[in-house]
Each structure stands twice: as C-alpha cells, then as structure tokens.
Amino acid sequence: MENKFHGRASPDMFKRVGLALDPHLQETTYIMCYSQRLYGWVMIRLLPHMPPLVFARFDNLSDAKSHSQALKQLMPDAKFLIFFDRGLPMEQDE
C-alpha cells in the first residue's frame, strides 16, 4: 500500500497508514502501527558512539530472549536490550 500522506493529519489518516489505538491503556491514548502491535517486544543493539539500533521485533518475550541468547553466543561482546514498545502518546484535544 502506497502512503501518500503529506502535511496535517486527515480524519481517515489512521485507516490509510494502518495505525491502531492501544485499547489497554485508559489514562493516555497510545498509537502504533498494526504490525508493531503484533510484535510488541523490541530488541535493540547498543553500539558505542551511535544511537541504539532496533533490529528485531517479536510477538512474545520468550522468543526475544531466545534470540538474544543465540546472538550472545555469536557476539559475546555485543550489548542487547529487550523492551516492550507501548507506542507513542497521541495528542488529545481538550
């Protein structure tokens, strides 16, 4: 699907680019892509003198930890971080 989004958000923007609201959070509305909601566990590699590199997403923590252990055997000096991505807070009109 081609994304032709330019400028300000239109009312149907969320449908066009495949964004979905996270229904589990009551106090603040969070927004994230549907594919990111499917794979909420994110693994990043911490590199010296560079920003963190997101290189893998997983649907459960067990898969992320298993992948991390395998990478640690291949690259013992590398530093990895696993976290759950809740999405970005969506601005709410008051």
PDB file of N, CA and C in Angstrom:
ATOM      1  N   MET A   1       0.844  -1.174   0.000  1.00  0.00           N
ATOM      2  CA  MET A   1       0.000   0.000   0.000  1.00  0.00           C
ATOM      3  C   MET A   1       0.891   1.240   0.000  1.00  0.00           C
ATOM      4  N   GLU A   2       0.648   2.125  -0.914  1.00  0.00           N
ATOM      5  CA  GLU A   2       1.430   3.334  -1.036  1.00  0.00           C
ATOM      6  C   GLU A   2       0.908   4.388  -0.069  1.00  0.00           C
ATOM      7  N   ASN A   3       1.818   5.012   0.650  1.00  0.00           N
ATOM      8  CA  ASN A   3       1.439   6.042   1.607  1.00  0.00           C
ATOM      9  C   ASN A   3       1.673   7.409   0.978  1.00  0.00           C
ATOM     10  N   LYS A   4       0.597   8.157   0.732  1.00  0.00           N
ATOM     11  CA  LYS A   4       0.705   9.482   0.134  1.00  0.00           C
ATOM     12  C   LYS A   4       0.385  10.555   1.162  1.00  0.00           C
ATOM     13  N   PHE A   5       0.759  10.320   2.409  1.00  0.00           N
ATOM     14  CA  PHE A   5       0.461  11.246   3.489  1.00  0.00           C
ATOM     15  C   PHE A   5       1.446  12.407   3.460  1.00  0.00           C
ATOM     16  N   HIS A   6       0.922  13.615   3.350  1.00  0.00           N
ATOM     17  CA  HIS A   6       1.738  14.824   3.396  1.00  0.00           C
ATOM     18  C   HIS A   6       1.000  15.848   4.247  1.00  0.00           C
ATOM     19  N   GLY A   7       1.740  16.594   5.034  1.00  0.00           N
ATOM     20  CA  GLY A   7       1.135  17.679   5.795  1.00  0.00           C
ATOM     21  C   GLY A   7       0.373  17.217   7.016  1.00  0.00           C
ATOM     22  N   ARG A   8      -0.732  17.896   7.298  1.00  0.00           N
ATOM     23  CA  ARG A   8      -1.503  17.638   8.515  1.00  0.00           C
ATOM     24  C   ARG A   8      -2.310  16.358   8.406  1.00  0.00           C
ATOM     25  N   ALA A   9      -2.685  15.832   9.564  1.00  0.00           N
ATOM     26  CA  ALA A   9      -3.450  14.582   9.625  1.00  0.00           C
ATOM     27  C   ALA A   9      -4.878  14.800   9.144  1.00  0.00           C
ATOM     28  N   SER A  10      -5.339  13.908   8.323  1.00  0.00           N
ATOM     29  CA  SER A  10      -6.728  13.940   7.886  1.00  0.00           C
ATOM     30  C   SER A  10      -7.525  12.971   8.751  1.00  0.00           C
ATOM     31  N   PRO A  11      -8.852  13.077   8.780  1.00  0.00           N
ATOM     32  CA  PRO A  11      -9.656  12.216   9.651  1.00  0.00           C
ATOM     33  C   PRO A  11      -9.456  10.729   9.399  1.00  0.00           C
ATOM     34  N   ASP A  12      -9.196  10.354   8.154  1.00  0.00           N
ATOM     35  CA  ASP A  12      -9.041   8.926   7.877  1.00  0.00           C
ATOM     36  C   ASP A  12      -7.579   8.496   7.790  1.00  0.00           C
ATOM     37  N   MET A  13      -6.661   9.330   8.270  1.00  0.00           N
ATOM     38  CA  MET A  13      -5.243   9.002   8.199  1.00  0.00           C
ATOM     39  C   MET A  13      -4.928   7.678   8.873  1.00  0.00           C
ATOM     40  N   PHE A  14      -5.546   7.410  10.015  1.00  0.00           N
ATOM     41  CA  PHE A  14      -5.219   6.208  10.764  1.00  0.00           C
ATOM     42  C   PHE A  14      -5.590   4.952   9.992  1.00  0.00           C
ATOM     43  N   LYS A  15      -6.660   5.003   9.222  1.00  0.00           N
ATOM     44  CA  LYS A  15      -7.043   3.852   8.405  1.00  0.00           C
ATOM     45  C   LYS A  15      -6.076   3.669   7.247  1.00  0.00           C
ATOM     46  N   ARG A  16      -5.665   4.766   6.627  1.00  0.00           N
ATOM     47  CA  ARG A  16      -4.805   4.682   5.440  1.00  0.00           C
ATOM     48  C   ARG A  16      -3.433   4.119   5.749  1.00  0.00           C
ATOM     49  N   VAL A  17      -2.815   4.557   6.829  1.00  0.00           N
ATOM     50  CA  VAL A  17      -1.454   4.114   7.107  1.00  0.00           C
ATOM     51  C   VAL A  17      -1.414   2.926   8.053  1.00  0.00           C
ATOM     52  N   GLY A  18      -2.559   2.364   8.394  1.00  0.00           N
ATOM     53  CA  GLY A  18      -2.595   1.142   9.191  1.00  0.00           C
ATOM     54  C   GLY A  18      -2.276   1.341  10.658  1.00  0.00           C
ATOM     55  N   LEU A  19      -2.670   2.457  11.240  1.00  0.00           N
ATOM     56  CA  LEU A  19      -2.402   2.694  12.650  1.00  0.00           C
ATOM     57  C   LEU A  19      -3.575   2.220  13.486  1.00  0.00           C
ATOM     58  N   ALA A  20      -3.275   1.808  14.697  1.00  0.00           N
ATOM     59  CA  ALA A  20      -4.329   1.305  15.580  1.00  0.00           C
ATOM     60  C   ALA A  20      -4.118   1.846  16.981  1.00  0.00           C
ATOM     61  N   LEU A  21      -5.204   2.106  17.680  1.00  0.00           N
ATOM     62  CA  LEU A  21      -5.121   2.570  19.062  1.00  0.00           C
ATOM     63  C   LEU A  21      -4.943   1.384  19.987  1.00  0.00           C
ATOM     64  N   ASP A  22      -4.183   1.575  21.044  1.00  0.00           N
ATOM     65  CA  ASP A  22      -3.976   0.519  22.024  1.00  0.00           C
ATOM     66  C   ASP A  22      -5.129   0.563  23.017  1.00  0.00           C
ATOM     67  N   PRO A  23      -5.988  -0.461  23.055  1.00  0.00           N
ATOM     68  CA  PRO A  23      -7.184  -0.412  23.901  1.00  0.00           C
ATOM     69  C   PRO A  23      -6.913  -0.676  25.376  1.00  0.00           C
ATOM     70  N   HIS A  24      -5.707  -1.082  25.743  1.00  0.00           N
ATOM     71  CA  HIS A  24      -5.418  -1.481  27.118  1.00  0.00           C
ATOM     72  C   HIS A  24      -5.076  -0.305  28.024  1.00  0.00           C
ATOM     73  N   LEU A  25      -4.802   0.841  27.476  1.00  0.00           N
ATOM     74  CA  LEU A  25      -4.376   1.979  28.271  1.00  0.00           C
ATOM     75  C   LEU A  25      -5.521   2.977  28.381  1.00  0.00           C
ATOM     76  N   GLN A  26      -5.955   3.257  29.597  1.00  0.00           N
ATOM     77  CA  GLN A  26      -7.124   4.103  29.810  1.00  0.00           C
ATOM     78  C   GLN A  26      -6.757   5.582  29.961  1.00  0.00           C
ATOM     79  N   GLU A  27      -5.662   5.889  30.670  1.00  0.00           N
ATOM     80  CA  GLU A  27      -5.373   7.270  31.001  1.00  0.00           C
ATOM     81  C   GLU A  27      -4.823   8.060  29.815  1.00  0.00           C
ATOM     82  N   THR A  28      -4.034   7.457  28.970  1.00  0.00           N
ATOM     83  CA  THR A  28      -3.461   8.116  27.808  1.00  0.00           C
ATOM     84  C   THR A  28      -3.692   7.238  26.597  1.00  0.00           C
ATOM     85  N   THR A  29      -4.041   7.827  25.489  1.00  0.00           N
ATOM     86  CA  THR A  29      -4.214   7.056  24.266  1.00  0.00           C
ATOM     87  C   THR A  29      -2.861   6.938  23.574  1.00  0.00           C
ATOM     88  N   TYR A  30      -2.468   5.716  23.271  1.00  0.00           N
ATOM     89  CA  TYR A  30      -1.218   5.462  22.574  1.00  0.00           C
ATOM     90  C   TYR A  30      -1.529   4.987  21.171  1.00  0.00           C
ATOM     91  N   ILE A  31      -0.625   5.284  20.273  1.00  0.00           N
ATOM     92  CA  ILE A  31      -0.850   4.911  18.884  1.00  0.00           C
ATOM     93  C   ILE A  31       0.390   4.218  18.345  1.00  0.00           C
ATOM     94  N   MET A  32       0.182   3.178  17.559  1.00  0.00           N
ATOM     95  CA  MET A  32       1.294   2.480  16.935  1.00  0.00           C
ATOM     96  C   MET A  32       0.781   1.722  15.716  1.00  0.00           C
ATOM     97  N   CYS A  33       1.674   1.416  14.804  1.00  0.00           N
ATOM     98  CA  CYS A  33       1.294   0.680  13.601  1.00  0.00           C
ATOM     99  C   CYS A  33       0.773  -0.696  13.984  1.00  0.00           C
ATOM    100  N   TYR A  34      -0.146  -1.208  13.185  1.00  0.00           N
ATOM    101  CA  TYR A  34      -0.734  -2.522  13.449  1.00  0.00           C
ATOM    102  C   TYR A  34       0.339  -3.609  13.494  1.00  0.00           C
ATOM    103  N   SER A  35       1.290  -3.565  12.568  1.00  0.00           N
ATOM    104  CA  SER A  35       2.344  -4.585  12.563  1.00  0.00           C
ATOM    105  C   SER A  35       3.199  -4.493  13.823  1.00  0.00           C
ATOM    106  N   GLN A  36       3.401  -3.286  14.354  1.00  0.00           N
ATOM    107  CA  GLN A  36       4.161  -3.135  15.589  1.00  0.00           C
ATOM    108  C   GLN A  36       3.374  -3.650  16.777  1.00  0.00           C
ATOM    109  N   ARG A  37       2.041  -3.538  16.740  1.00  0.00           N
ATOM    110  CA  ARG A  37       1.234  -4.087  17.828  1.00  0.00           C
ATOM    111  C   ARG A  37       1.336  -5.597  17.857  1.00  0.00           C
ATOM    112  N   LEU A  38       1.461  -6.225  16.688  1.00  0.00           N
ATOM    113  CA  LEU A  38       1.592  -7.679  16.634  1.00  0.00           C
ATOM    114  C   LEU A  38       2.916  -8.136  17.227  1.00  0.00           C
ATOM    115  N   TYR A  39       3.946  -7.337  17.039  1.00  0.00           N
ATOM    116  CA  TYR A  39       5.281  -7.689  17.509  1.00  0.00           C
ATOM    117  C   TYR A  39       5.757  -6.606  18.469  1.00  0.00           C
ATOM    118  N   GLY A  40       5.212  -6.610  19.684  1.00  0.00           N
ATOM    119  CA  GLY A  40       5.476  -5.546  20.645  1.00  0.00           C
ATOM    120  C   GLY A  40       6.831  -5.601  21.318  1.00  0.00           C
ATOM    121  N   TRP A  41       7.461  -6.776  21.371  1.00  0.00           N
ATOM    122  CA  TRP A  41       8.766  -6.897  22.013  1.00  0.00           C
ATOM    123  C   TRP A  41       9.849  -6.505  21.021  1.00  0.00           C
ATOM    124  N   VAL A  42      10.663  -5.535  21.405  1.00  0.00           N
ATOM    125  CA  VAL A  42      11.684  -4.977  20.522  1.00  0.00           C
ATOM    126  C   VAL A  42      13.062  -5.304  21.080  1.00  0.00           C
ATOM    127  N   MET A  43      13.969  -5.708  20.194  1.00  0.00           N
ATOM    128  CA  MET A  43      15.357  -5.931  20.589  1.00  0.00           C
ATOM    129  C   MET A  43      16.215  -4.876  19.905  1.00  0.00           C
ATOM    130  N   ILE A  44      17.039  -4.206  20.697  1.00  0.00           N
ATOM    131  CA  ILE A  44      17.960  -3.230  20.131  1.00  0.00           C
ATOM    132  C   ILE A  44      19.379  -3.634  20.481  1.00  0.00           C
ATOM    133  N   ARG A  45      20.299  -3.204  19.647  1.00  0.00           N
ATOM    134  CA  ARG A  45      21.720  -3.416  19.921  1.00  0.00           C
ATOM    135  C   ARG A  45      22.301  -2.069  20.305  1.00  0.00           C
ATOM    136  N   LEU A  46      22.998  -2.064  21.422  1.00  0.00           N
ATOM    137  CA  LEU A  46      23.644  -0.846  21.894  1.00  0.00           C
ATOM    138  C   LEU A  46      25.041  -0.784  21.300  1.00  0.00           C
ATOM    139  N   LEU A  47      25.302   0.261  20.526  1.00  0.00           N
ATOM    140  CA  LEU A  47      26.590   0.439  19.862  1.00  0.00           C
ATOM    141  C   LEU A  47      27.296   1.656  20.445  1.00  0.00           C
ATOM    142  N   PRO A  48      28.612   1.575  20.634  1.00  0.00           N
ATOM    143  CA  PRO A  48      29.328   2.729  21.180  1.00  0.00           C
ATOM    144  C   PRO A  48      29.337   3.892  20.184  1.00  0.00           C
ATOM    145  N   HIS A  49      29.110   5.077  20.694  1.00  0.00           N
ATOM    146  CA  HIS A  49      29.157   6.325  19.922  1.00  0.00           C
ATOM    147  C   HIS A  49      28.132   6.363  18.790  1.00  0.00           C
ATOM    148  N   MET A  50      27.053   5.603  18.918  1.00  0.00           N
ATOM    149  CA  MET A  50      25.990   5.593  17.908  1.00  0.00           C
ATOM    150  C   MET A  50      24.650   5.444  18.609  1.00  0.00           C
ATOM    151  N   PRO A  51      23.580   5.883  17.970  1.00  0.00           N
ATOM    152  CA  PRO A  51      22.260   5.664  18.575  1.00  0.00           C
ATOM    153  C   PRO A  51      21.916   4.177  18.590  1.00  0.00           C
ATOM    154  N   PRO A  52      21.045   3.755  19.499  1.00  0.00           N
ATOM    155  CA  PRO A  52      20.649   2.340  19.546  1.00  0.00           C
ATOM    156  C   PRO A  52      20.022   1.906  18.226  1.00  0.00           C
ATOM    157  N   LEU A  53      20.281   0.661  17.843  1.00  0.00           N
ATOM    158  CA  LEU A  53      19.800   0.124  16.575  1.00  0.00           C
ATOM    159  C   LEU A  53      18.712  -0.909  16.833  1.00  0.00           C
ATOM    160  N   VAL A  54      17.485  -0.596  16.425  1.00  0.00           N
ATOM    161  CA  VAL A  54      16.386  -1.559  16.528  1.00  0.00           C
ATOM    162  C   VAL A  54      16.535  -2.517  15.360  1.00  0.00           C
ATOM    163  N   PHE A  55      16.685  -3.807  15.656  1.00  0.00           N
ATOM    164  CA  PHE A  55      16.887  -4.731  14.550  1.00  0.00           C
ATOM    165  C   PHE A  55      15.974  -5.939  14.574  1.00  0.00           C
ATOM    166  N   ALA A  56      15.145  -6.096  15.597  1.00  0.00           N
ATOM    167  CA  ALA A  56      14.234  -7.245  15.611  1.00  0.00           C
ATOM    168  C   ALA A  56      13.010  -6.925  16.453  1.00  0.00           C
ATOM    169  N   ARG A  57      11.871  -7.512  16.059  1.00  0.00           N
ATOM    170  CA  ARG A  57      10.621  -7.406  16.813  1.00  0.00           C
ATOM    171  C   ARG A  57      10.076  -8.807  16.995  1.00  0.00           C
ATOM    172  N   PHE A  58       9.473  -9.057  18.167  1.00  0.00           N
ATOM    173  CA  PHE A  58       8.961 -10.386  18.492  1.00  0.00           C
ATOM    174  C   PHE A  58       7.561 -10.257  19.075  1.00  0.00           C
ATOM    175  N   ASP A  59       6.771 -11.316  18.917  1.00  0.00           N
ATOM    176  CA  ASP A  59       5.416 -11.281  19.456  1.00  0.00           C
ATOM    177  C   ASP A  59       5.357 -11.723  20.907  1.00  0.00           C
ATOM    178  N   ASN A  60       6.425 -12.357  21.414  1.00  0.00           N
ATOM    179  CA  ASN A  60       6.434 -12.713  22.833  1.00  0.00           C
ATOM    180  C   ASN A  60       7.845 -12.603  23.396  1.00  0.00           C
ATOM    181  N   LEU A  61       7.929 -12.459  24.696  1.00  0.00           N
ATOM    182  CA  LEU A  61       9.202 -12.253  25.376  1.00  0.00           C
ATOM    183  C   LEU A  61      10.103 -13.471  25.274  1.00  0.00           C
ATOM    184  N   SER A  62       9.536 -14.657  25.304  1.00  0.00           N
ATOM    185  CA  SER A  62      10.326 -15.883  25.229  1.00  0.00           C
ATOM    186  C   SER A  62      11.132 -15.951  23.931  1.00  0.00           C
ATOM    187  N   ASP A  63      10.509 -15.611  22.814  1.00  0.00           N
ATOM    188  CA  ASP A  63      11.228 -15.608  21.534  1.00  0.00           C
ATOM    189  C   ASP A  63      12.347 -14.575  21.535  1.00  0.00           C
ATOM    190  N   ALA A  64      12.084 -13.416  22.103  1.00  0.00           N
ATOM    191  CA  ALA A  64      13.096 -12.361  22.159  1.00  0.00           C
ATOM    192  C   ALA A  64      14.295 -12.797  22.996  1.00  0.00           C
ATOM    193  N   LYS A  65      14.042 -13.425  24.141  1.00  0.00           N
ATOM    194  CA  LYS A  65      15.139 -13.885  24.992  1.00  0.00           C
ATOM    195  C   LYS A  65      15.942 -14.994  24.323  1.00  0.00           C
ATOM    196  N   SER A  66      15.265 -15.906  23.646  1.00  0.00           N
ATOM    197  CA  SER A  66      15.960 -16.987  22.942  1.00  0.00           C
ATOM    198  C   SER A  66      16.859 -16.429  21.845  1.00  0.00           C
ATOM    199  N   HIS A  67      16.346 -15.470  21.108  1.00  0.00           N
ATOM    200  CA  HIS A  67      17.131 -14.842  20.043  1.00  0.00           C
ATOM    201  C   HIS A  67      18.334 -14.107  20.636  1.00  0.00           C
ATOM    202  N   SER A  68      18.120 -13.451  21.760  1.00  0.00           N
ATOM    203  CA  SER A  68      19.198 -12.734  22.432  1.00  0.00           C
ATOM    204  C   SER A  68      20.297 -13.687  22.893  1.00  0.00           C
ATOM    205  N   GLN A  69      19.912 -14.835  23.436  1.00  0.00           N
ATOM    206  CA  GLN A  69      20.905 -15.818  23.879  1.00  0.00           C
ATOM    207  C   GLN A  69      21.729 -16.345  22.708  1.00  0.00           C
ATOM    208  N   ALA A  70      21.078 -16.605  21.584  1.00  0.00           N
ATOM    209  CA  ALA A  70      21.800 -17.087  20.403  1.00  0.00           C
ATOM    210  C   ALA A  70      22.779 -16.025  19.896  1.00  0.00           C
ATOM    211  N   LEU A  71      22.342 -14.762  19.889  1.00  0.00           N
ATOM    212  CA  LEU A  71      23.230 -13.690  19.444  1.00  0.00           C
ATOM    213  C   LEU A  71      24.399 -13.499  20.399  1.00  0.00           C
ATOM    214  N   LYS A  72      24.163 -13.682  21.697  1.00  0.00           N
ATOM    215  CA  LYS A  72      25.242 -13.554  22.683  1.00  0.00           C
ATOM    216  C   LYS A  72      26.328 -14.604  22.453  1.00  0.00           C
ATOM    217  N   GLN A  73      25.935 -15.795  21.997  1.00  0.00           N
ATOM    218  CA  GLN A  73      26.923 -16.832  21.701  1.00  0.00           C
ATOM    219  C   GLN A  73      27.735 -16.468  20.461  1.00  0.00           C
ATOM    220  N   LEU A  74      27.091 -15.839  19.491  1.00  0.00           N
ATOM    221  CA  LEU A  74      27.792 -15.448  18.270  1.00  0.00           C
ATOM    222  C   LEU A  74      28.627 -14.186  18.458  1.00  0.00           C
ATOM    223  N   MET A  75      28.123 -13.255  19.269  1.00  0.00           N
ATOM    224  CA  MET A  75      28.802 -11.976  19.509  1.00  0.00           C
ATOM    225  C   MET A  75      28.861 -11.721  21.012  1.00  0.00           C
ATOM    226  N   PRO A  76      29.813 -12.345  21.724  1.00  0.00           N
ATOM    227  CA  PRO A  76      29.826 -12.236  23.192  1.00  0.00           C
ATOM    228  C   PRO A  76      30.032 -10.817  23.730  1.00  0.00           C
ATOM    229  N   ASP A  77      30.678  -9.952  22.977  1.00  0.00           N
ATOM    230  CA  ASP A  77      30.942  -8.591  23.466  1.00  0.00           C
ATOM    231  C   ASP A  77      29.818  -7.606  23.143  1.00  0.00           C
ATOM    232  N   ALA A  78      28.859  -8.019  22.347  1.00  0.00           N
ATOM    233  CA  ALA A  78      27.759  -7.124  21.956  1.00  0.00           C
ATOM    234  C   ALA A  78      26.781  -6.947  23.115  1.00  0.00           C
ATOM    235  N   LYS A  79      26.173  -5.777  23.170  1.00  0.00           N
ATOM    236  CA  LYS A  79      25.192  -5.471  24.214  1.00  0.00           C
ATOM    237  C   LYS A  79      23.819  -5.332  23.564  1.00  0.00           C
ATOM    238  N   PHE A  80      22.841  -6.071  24.109  1.00  0.00           N
ATOM    239  CA  PHE A  80      21.483  -6.069  23.588  1.00  0.00           C
ATOM    240  C   PHE A  80      20.514  -5.669  24.688  1.00  0.00           C
ATOM    241  N   LEU A  81      19.401  -5.085  24.285  1.00  0.00           N
ATOM    242  CA  LEU A  81      18.364  -4.680  25.220  1.00  0.00           C
ATOM    243  C   LEU A  81      17.019  -5.096  24.638  1.00  0.00           C
ATOM    244  N   ILE A  82      16.180  -5.703  25.478  1.00  0.00           N
ATOM    245  CA  ILE A  82      14.839  -6.111  25.068  1.00  0.00           C
ATOM    246  C   ILE A  82      13.841  -5.293  25.883  1.00  0.00           C
ATOM    247  N   PHE A  83      12.851  -4.733  25.217  1.00  0.00           N
ATOM    248  CA  PHE A  83      11.813  -3.990  25.927  1.00  0.00           C
ATOM    249  C   PHE A  83      10.497  -4.113  25.183  1.00  0.00           C
ATOM    250  N   PHE A  84       9.414  -3.761  25.875  1.00  0.00           N
ATOM    251  CA  PHE A  84       8.086  -3.786  25.268  1.00  0.00           C
ATOM    252  C   PHE A  84       7.744  -2.393  24.783  1.00  0.00           C
ATOM    253  N   ASP A  85       7.429  -2.268  23.514  1.00  0.00           N
ATOM    254  CA  ASP A  85       7.114  -0.988  22.894  1.00  0.00           C
ATOM    255  C   ASP A  85       5.619  -0.709  23.033  1.00  0.00           C
ATOM    256  N   ARG A  86       5.263   0.278  23.860  1.00  0.00           N
ATOM    257  CA  ARG A  86       3.855   0.638  24.061  1.00  0.00           C
ATOM    258  C   ARG A  86       3.340   1.566  22.989  1.00  0.00           C
ATOM    259  N   GLY A  87       4.194   2.137  22.208  1.00  0.00           N
ATOM    260  CA  GLY A  87       3.765   3.080  21.177  1.00  0.00           C
ATOM    261  C   GLY A  87       4.031   4.506  21.608  1.00  0.00           C
ATOM    262  N   LEU A  88       3.605   5.441  20.792  1.00  0.00           N
ATOM    263  CA  LEU A  88       3.799   6.859  21.065  1.00  0.00           C
ATOM    264  C   LEU A  88       2.519   7.463  21.615  1.00  0.00           C
ATOM    265  N   PRO A  89       2.622   8.355  22.610  1.00  0.00           N
ATOM    266  CA  PRO A  89       1.410   9.016  23.097  1.00  0.00           C
ATOM    267  C   PRO A  89       0.794   9.857  21.985  1.00  0.00           C
ATOM    268  N   MET A  90      -0.505   9.774  21.869  1.00  0.00           N
ATOM    269  CA  MET A  90      -1.228  10.539  20.854  1.00  0.00           C
ATOM    270  C   MET A  90      -1.752  11.810  21.497  1.00  0.00           C
ATOM    271  N   GLU A  91      -1.550  12.937  20.840  1.00  0.00           N
ATOM    272  CA  GLU A  91      -2.038  14.210  21.374  1.00  0.00           C
ATOM    273  C   GLU A  91      -3.556  14.201  21.389  1.00  0.00           C
ATOM    274  N   GLN A  92      -4.110  14.615  22.515  1.00  0.00           N
ATOM    275  CA  GLN A  92      -5.565  14.639  22.641  1.00  0.00           C
ATOM    276  C   GLN A  92      -6.041  16.078  22.715  1.00  0.00           C
ATOM    277  N   ASP A  93      -7.096  16.384  21.964  1.00  0.00           N
ATOM    278  CA  ASP A  93      -7.697  17.720  22.024  1.00  0.00           C
ATOM    279  C   ASP A  93      -8.579  17.802  23.259  1.00  0.00           C
ATOM    280  N   GLU A  94      -8.452  18.891  23.990  1.00  0.00           N
ATOM    281  CA  GLU A  94      -9.251  19.049  25.207  1.00  0.00           C
ATOM    282  C   GLU A  94     -10.399  19.981  24.980  1.00  0.00           C
TER     283      GLU A  94
END
